[in-house]
Protein backbone atom coordinates (compact mmCIF):
# COMPACT_ATOMS: atom_id res chain seq x y z
CA MET A 1 68.38 106.24 58.41
CA PHE A 2 65.92 107.70 60.92
CA SER A 3 65.56 110.72 63.19
CA PHE A 4 64.41 111.19 66.75
CA PRO A 5 61.18 113.12 67.45
CA LYS A 6 60.91 116.80 66.63
CA PRO A 7 62.70 118.86 69.32
CA SER A 8 60.76 120.97 71.76
CA VAL A 9 61.79 124.03 73.76
CA TYR A 10 63.56 121.67 76.16
CA GLN A 11 65.25 119.60 73.44
CA SER A 12 66.81 121.91 70.89
CA SER A 13 69.01 119.40 69.04
CA LYS A 14 68.12 116.74 66.50
CA CYS A 15 69.83 113.36 66.26
CA SER A 16 69.94 111.32 63.06
CA VAL A 17 71.20 107.74 63.09
CA THR A 18 72.58 105.82 60.13
CA TYR A 19 73.30 102.11 59.96
CA GLY A 20 75.21 101.30 56.80
CA VAL A 21 78.15 99.60 55.13
CA MET A 22 81.30 101.47 54.17
CA SER A 23 84.01 100.47 51.73
CA HIS A 24 87.58 99.97 52.84
CA PRO A 25 89.34 103.38 52.70
CA ASP A 26 92.31 103.96 50.45
CA PRO A 27 95.36 104.58 52.69
CA ARG A 28 96.81 106.95 50.06
CA LYS A 29 93.76 109.22 49.97
CA VAL A 30 91.20 109.63 52.72
CA PRO A 31 87.61 109.49 51.37
CA SER A 32 85.60 112.69 51.50
CA LYS A 33 82.30 111.67 49.88
CA GLY A 34 79.58 109.53 51.38
CA LYS A 35 78.95 108.72 55.01
CA PRO A 36 80.61 108.69 57.48
CA TRP A 37 83.33 110.84 55.87
CA SER A 38 81.12 113.65 54.62
CA THR A 39 79.37 113.89 58.00
CA LEU A 40 82.68 114.40 59.81
CA LEU A 41 83.84 117.00 57.29
CA ALA A 42 80.56 118.92 57.64
CA GLN A 43 81.31 119.69 61.29
CA ASP A 44 82.63 123.01 62.50
CA PHE A 45 85.90 123.13 64.40
CA VAL A 46 85.95 120.35 66.97
CA HIS A 47 86.46 120.89 70.68
CA ARG A 48 87.01 117.27 71.73
CA VAL A 49 87.66 113.92 70.07
CA ASP A 50 87.32 110.57 71.90
CA LEU A 51 88.48 107.18 70.62
CA ILE A 52 87.18 104.22 72.68
CA PHE A 53 88.44 100.68 72.14
CA PRO A 54 89.08 97.37 73.99
CA ASP A 55 92.45 96.59 75.56
CA GLU A 56 93.29 93.97 72.93
CA VAL A 57 94.12 96.73 70.41
CA LEU A 58 95.83 99.15 72.79
CA GLN A 59 99.29 98.55 71.34
CA LEU A 60 98.03 99.02 67.78
CA VAL A 61 96.50 102.37 68.75
CA ARG A 62 99.77 103.46 70.36
CA ASP A 63 101.83 102.42 67.35
CA ASN A 64 99.60 103.70 64.54
CA ILE A 65 97.50 106.55 65.96
CA VAL A 66 99.00 108.23 69.02
CA GLY A 67 102.64 107.17 68.77
CA ASN A 68 103.77 110.03 66.52
CA PRO A 69 103.80 113.36 68.47
CA SER A 70 104.03 115.39 65.25
CA ARG A 71 100.53 114.27 64.28
CA ALA A 72 98.91 115.98 67.27
CA PRO A 73 96.83 118.98 66.10
CA THR A 74 98.20 122.44 66.90
CA PHE A 75 96.52 125.83 67.11
CA TYR A 76 97.17 129.34 68.41
CA LYS A 77 95.49 131.70 70.83
CA VAL A 78 95.90 135.38 70.07
CA ILE A 79 94.34 138.64 71.30
CA MET A 80 93.35 140.98 68.47
CA SER A 81 90.56 143.35 67.57
CA LEU A 82 88.29 142.57 64.65
CA GLY A 83 89.77 145.51 62.76
CA GLN A 84 93.28 144.03 63.06
CA ILE A 85 92.31 140.82 61.28
CA LEU A 86 91.02 142.92 58.38
CA GLU A 87 94.23 144.89 57.90
CA GLY A 88 97.39 144.47 55.85
CA ASP A 89 99.17 141.17 55.37
CA PHE A 90 97.03 139.36 57.94
CA PHE A 91 93.92 139.99 55.89
CA THR A 92 95.66 139.09 52.62
CA GLU A 93 97.32 135.89 53.86
CA TYR A 94 94.67 134.50 56.20
CA THR A 95 91.31 136.25 56.60
CA LYS A 96 90.62 136.97 52.92
CA ALA A 97 90.13 133.27 52.20
CA GLY A 98 87.23 132.73 54.60
CA VAL A 99 83.77 133.69 55.81
CA LEU A 100 83.33 136.00 58.79
CA THR A 101 80.40 135.10 61.08
CA LEU A 102 79.37 137.54 63.79
CA TYR A 103 76.93 136.98 66.67
CA LEU A 104 75.91 140.31 68.25
CA ASP A 105 73.55 141.43 70.95
CA LYS A 106 70.86 143.97 70.07
CA GLU A 107 72.73 147.08 71.24
CA THR A 108 75.98 146.19 69.45
CA TYR A 109 74.10 145.15 66.32
CA GLU A 110 72.35 148.50 66.09
CA ARG A 111 75.61 150.44 66.57
CA ALA A 112 77.48 148.32 64.02
CA GLY A 113 75.15 149.21 61.17
CA LEU A 114 75.52 145.81 59.48
CA VAL A 115 72.72 143.74 57.97
CA GLY A 116 71.94 140.48 59.79
CA GLN A 117 69.21 138.09 60.80
CA PRO A 118 67.67 137.27 64.21
CA HIS A 119 69.42 134.25 65.68
CA GLY A 120 67.93 131.51 67.84
CA ALA A 121 64.42 130.23 68.43
CA LYS A 122 61.85 132.78 69.52
CA GLY A 123 59.85 132.53 72.71
CA LYS A 124 62.58 131.15 74.99
CA ARG A 125 62.33 132.71 78.40
CA GLY A 126 65.37 134.34 79.93
CA LEU A 127 67.32 134.55 76.68
CA LYS A 128 68.18 137.88 75.12
CA PRO A 129 67.82 138.10 71.33
CA ARG A 130 70.95 138.01 69.18
CA TRP A 131 71.64 138.76 65.55
CA VAL A 132 73.90 136.79 63.25
CA MET A 133 75.56 138.01 60.08
CA GLN A 134 77.80 136.20 57.62
CA LEU A 135 80.20 138.11 55.41
CA ASP A 136 81.95 136.34 52.55
CA LEU A 137 85.41 137.90 52.58
CA ARG A 138 86.19 136.15 49.27
CA SER A 139 83.65 138.34 47.50
CA PRO A 140 85.06 140.90 45.00
CA SER A 141 83.25 143.61 46.98
CA MET A 142 85.30 142.84 50.11
CA VAL A 143 88.24 145.12 49.33
CA HIS A 144 89.19 148.55 50.63
CA GLY A 145 87.25 151.27 48.88
CA LYS A 146 84.16 149.15 48.23
CA LYS A 147 80.94 150.02 50.02
CA GLY A 148 80.45 146.62 51.70
CA PHE A 149 83.98 146.46 53.08
CA ASP A 150 84.01 150.10 54.22
CA ARG A 151 80.81 149.45 56.14
CA LEU A 152 82.53 146.56 57.93
CA VAL A 153 85.55 148.77 58.74
CA TYR A 154 83.15 151.39 60.15
CA ALA A 155 81.59 148.76 62.41
CA CYS A 156 85.05 147.70 63.62
CA LYS A 157 85.88 151.27 64.65
CA ASN A 158 82.55 152.23 66.22
CA ALA A 159 81.05 149.07 67.71
CA LEU A 160 83.58 146.22 67.54
CA SER A 161 86.82 147.90 68.56
CA ALA A 162 87.55 145.97 71.78
CA PRO A 163 90.30 143.31 71.60
CA VAL A 164 89.02 139.75 71.94
CA THR A 165 90.62 136.32 72.19
CA TRP A 166 90.79 134.33 68.96
CA LEU A 167 91.61 130.69 68.36
CA PHE A 168 93.62 130.43 65.15
CA TYR A 169 94.29 127.48 62.87
CA SER A 170 95.77 127.56 59.37
CA ASN A 171 95.63 124.62 56.97
CA SER A 172 97.96 126.29 54.49
CA LYS A 173 101.72 126.86 54.42
CA THR A 174 102.87 129.53 56.86
CA PRO A 175 104.01 132.67 54.99
CA ILE A 176 107.40 134.24 55.68
CA PRO A 177 107.31 136.63 57.44
CA ASP A 178 104.23 135.42 59.32
CA PRO A 179 101.71 138.26 59.93
CA LEU A 180 100.46 136.40 63.01
CA SER A 181 103.81 136.60 64.82
CA ARG A 182 103.62 140.37 65.41
CA HIS A 183 100.57 139.80 67.66
CA TYR A 184 102.47 137.44 69.99
CA PRO A 185 100.30 134.32 69.68
CA THR A 186 100.49 131.40 72.12
CA LYS A 187 100.89 127.98 70.52
CA TYR A 188 98.98 124.96 71.85
CA THR A 189 99.28 121.29 70.98
CA SER A 190 96.43 118.85 71.58
CA HIS A 191 98.40 115.94 72.97
CA PRO A 192 96.46 112.68 73.30
CA GLU A 193 95.43 111.61 76.78
CA VAL A 194 95.05 107.86 77.34
CA SER A 195 92.66 107.01 80.16
CA GLU A 196 93.30 104.16 82.56
CA GLY A 197 91.73 100.92 81.39
CA LEU A 198 88.57 100.21 83.38
CA LEU A 199 86.63 96.97 83.57
CA ILE A 200 83.31 97.81 81.91
CA LYS A 201 80.00 96.02 81.43
CA ILE A 202 79.72 95.47 77.68
CA PRO A 203 76.30 95.15 76.02
CA SER A 204 75.72 93.51 72.67
CA ILE A 205 77.16 96.17 70.33
CA LYS A 206 76.11 94.46 67.12
CA PRO A 207 72.40 94.78 66.26
CA PRO A 208 70.49 91.48 66.47
CA PRO A 209 69.89 89.82 63.07
CA THR A 210 66.16 89.77 63.82
CA VAL A 211 66.12 93.58 64.01
CA LEU A 212 67.95 93.99 60.71
CA GLY A 213 65.96 91.21 59.05
CA ARG A 214 62.60 92.73 59.91
CA ARG A 215 63.93 96.21 59.08
CA SER A 216 61.95 97.58 62.01
CA SER A 217 62.81 101.24 62.49
CA LEU A 218 61.35 101.26 66.01
CA GLU A 219 63.47 98.34 67.19
CA LEU A 220 66.57 99.77 65.53
CA ASP A 221 65.72 103.13 67.08
CA ASP A 222 65.65 101.60 70.57
CA PHE A 223 68.89 99.70 69.99
CA ALA A 224 70.72 102.80 68.64
CA THR A 225 69.45 104.97 71.52
CA ASP A 226 70.64 102.48 74.15
CA ILE A 227 74.09 102.08 72.58
CA TYR A 228 74.57 105.83 72.15
CA GLU A 229 73.66 106.42 75.79
CA TRP A 230 76.15 103.74 76.85
CA LEU A 231 78.92 105.26 74.69
CA SER A 232 78.16 108.70 76.11
CA LEU A 233 78.56 107.40 79.66
CA LEU A 234 81.91 105.92 78.64
CA ARG A 235 83.03 109.32 77.35
CA LEU A 236 81.98 110.89 80.65
CA GLU A 237 83.76 108.15 82.63
CA SER A 238 80.53 107.51 84.49
CA PRO A 239 80.74 104.84 87.23
CA ARG A 240 77.32 103.54 86.10
CA VAL A 241 78.95 101.35 83.43
CA ASN A 242 81.69 99.93 85.68
CA VAL A 243 81.54 96.28 86.62
CA ASP A 244 81.78 97.06 90.34
CA ASP A 245 79.10 99.78 90.35
CA LYS A 246 76.76 99.27 93.32
CA ILE A 247 74.70 102.45 93.36
CA ASP A 248 71.32 102.41 95.05
CA PRO A 249 68.63 101.94 92.34
CA TYR A 250 66.62 104.71 93.96
CA LEU A 251 69.42 107.15 93.06
CA SER A 252 70.02 105.87 89.53
CA GLY A 253 67.85 103.58 87.47
CA TYR A 254 70.37 103.14 84.67
CA THR A 255 71.34 99.63 83.62
CA VAL A 256 73.58 98.52 80.78
CA PRO A 257 71.28 97.64 77.83
CA GLY A 258 70.52 94.05 76.93
CA ASP A 259 70.11 90.87 78.92
CA PRO A 260 72.52 90.88 81.92
CA ASP A 261 73.19 87.17 81.37
CA ASP A 262 74.30 87.77 77.76
CA GLY A 263 76.65 90.66 78.54
CA GLN A 264 80.37 90.43 79.15
CA ASN A 265 83.03 92.35 81.01
CA GLN A 266 85.89 93.93 79.12
CA ARG A 267 88.70 96.37 79.87
CA LEU A 268 88.32 99.51 77.76
CA PHE A 269 90.59 102.45 77.03
CA ARG A 270 89.82 105.97 75.85
CA VAL A 271 92.14 108.33 73.99
CA SER A 272 91.07 111.99 74.06
CA TRP A 273 92.22 115.09 72.21
CA GLN A 274 90.99 118.52 73.24
CA GLY A 275 91.57 121.87 71.58
CA PHE A 276 90.73 123.70 68.36
CA ILE A 277 90.70 120.80 65.91
CA PRO A 278 89.75 120.96 62.21
CA PRO A 279 87.24 118.34 60.99
CA SER A 280 89.76 117.09 58.40
CA TRP A 281 91.99 115.90 61.26
CA THR A 282 89.10 113.91 62.77
CA GLN A 283 88.46 112.39 59.35
CA GLN A 284 92.09 111.25 59.16
CA ILE A 285 91.95 109.69 62.65
CA LEU A 286 88.88 107.67 61.63
CA ALA A 287 90.68 106.43 58.51
CA ASP A 288 93.73 105.46 60.61
CA ALA A 289 91.55 103.54 63.06
CA VAL A 290 89.71 101.66 60.30
CA LEU A 291 92.98 100.75 58.58
CA SER A 292 94.94 99.88 61.73
CA LEU A 293 92.49 97.98 63.92
CA PRO A 294 91.40 94.42 62.98
CA SER A 295 87.79 93.94 61.93
CA LYS A 296 87.16 91.50 64.79
CA SER A 297 87.57 94.37 67.28
CA TRP A 298 85.08 97.17 67.78
CA PHE A 299 85.82 100.85 68.37
CA SER A 300 84.00 104.18 68.50
CA LEU A 301 85.11 107.68 67.53
CA SER A 302 83.26 110.76 68.78
CA ALA A 303 83.81 114.41 67.86
CA THR A 304 82.09 117.32 69.61
CA SER A 305 82.22 120.79 68.09
CA PHE A 306 82.22 124.15 69.84
CA ALA A 307 78.89 125.53 71.03
CA ARG A 308 77.48 128.55 69.21
CA GLY A 309 74.08 129.02 70.79
CA ILE A 310 73.39 130.88 74.03
CA THR A 311 72.15 127.64 75.61
CA GLY A 312 75.49 125.93 74.96
CA ASP A 313 74.20 123.39 72.45
CA SER A 314 76.96 121.85 70.36
CA ALA A 315 77.02 119.44 67.45
CA ASP A 316 78.26 115.90 67.99
CA CYS A 317 79.17 113.04 65.69
CA THR A 318 79.78 109.47 66.91
CA PHE A 319 80.97 106.58 64.76
CA LEU A 320 80.80 102.95 65.91
CA ARG A 321 82.24 99.93 64.14
CA PRO A 322 80.72 96.77 65.68
CA PRO A 323 82.89 93.68 66.29
CA ASN A 324 83.43 91.21 63.45
CA SER A 325 82.34 93.86 61.00
CA LEU A 326 82.83 93.75 57.24
CA GLY A 327 82.29 97.46 56.84
CA ASP A 328 79.12 97.79 58.96
CA TYR A 329 78.88 100.93 61.05
CA PHE A 330 76.58 103.11 63.13
CA LEU A 331 76.70 106.89 62.83
CA TRP A 332 74.98 109.29 65.20
CA ASP A 333 74.84 112.86 63.91
CA ILE A 334 73.52 115.42 66.39
CA ARG A 335 72.81 118.85 64.96
CA ARG A 336 71.92 121.94 66.93
CA HIS A 337 69.05 124.17 65.82
CA ASP A 338 70.61 127.61 65.49
């Protein structure tokens, strides 16, 4: 495992790469410990998930991963004030079991009267300071009549009273009657979108034996960087990786990594889900892909979480199983510096 250089003002995220061997997952219970499973579960809610694979396994993906509409993740969008999520049955059934994280500008923070910490790196031009505070609603002090909770209620009435849009997901059984229903939520389903198969220039996805034999971190670093860049261009549907790309080299100097004579052309597909997706769902999709797709075929799974910082930085996790793999994998874990 290795990390890229320390980020500067212009590179605020850190990427760690792991090359390892994973055991075959138990279909009856998805693993949660050890990489790559623990890395996926450590993510916040995911905004987008991409599964990339060659055309030879397209039917297997349709049958075992995207064929069942009931497996698509669902979530709700609802307009409520912060005070409303701390009241009555909604607080008891949903909010009480979690941690409330608030990001406030300076003026709102001072009016709220809550205790927080400065958020974000100092010295960035053009960015206004923000404060972040985390309140554990599971704490015994977070009940009506206690000082800590009453202070939060005061902030809701005096500084945080405006209704805002919330994305809502519950991993527990829906209570009857549902406290959410009285706020007229809108339900969304993240249906999978299968992209048209494009003929792509394929580099050597498996690391050369000489690199692994010498255990050279620099050579493995270069290989992992090149492959991650190529996978990222696939996610973006960039024409630079298409077989018929003829862009002027003065406009783009990108070339598919590796020796052009050793590369091959292959038709690839991409399945994408977009919405408010829990990391446990991404973990299950990875397990389904490992169990359903033959080891001779490669695939990659990428999950990008929602951005929290002012600059729009988001966390990203990409898993790659090389072809003819007996459990070998690459894992890129990009973490933002909040």
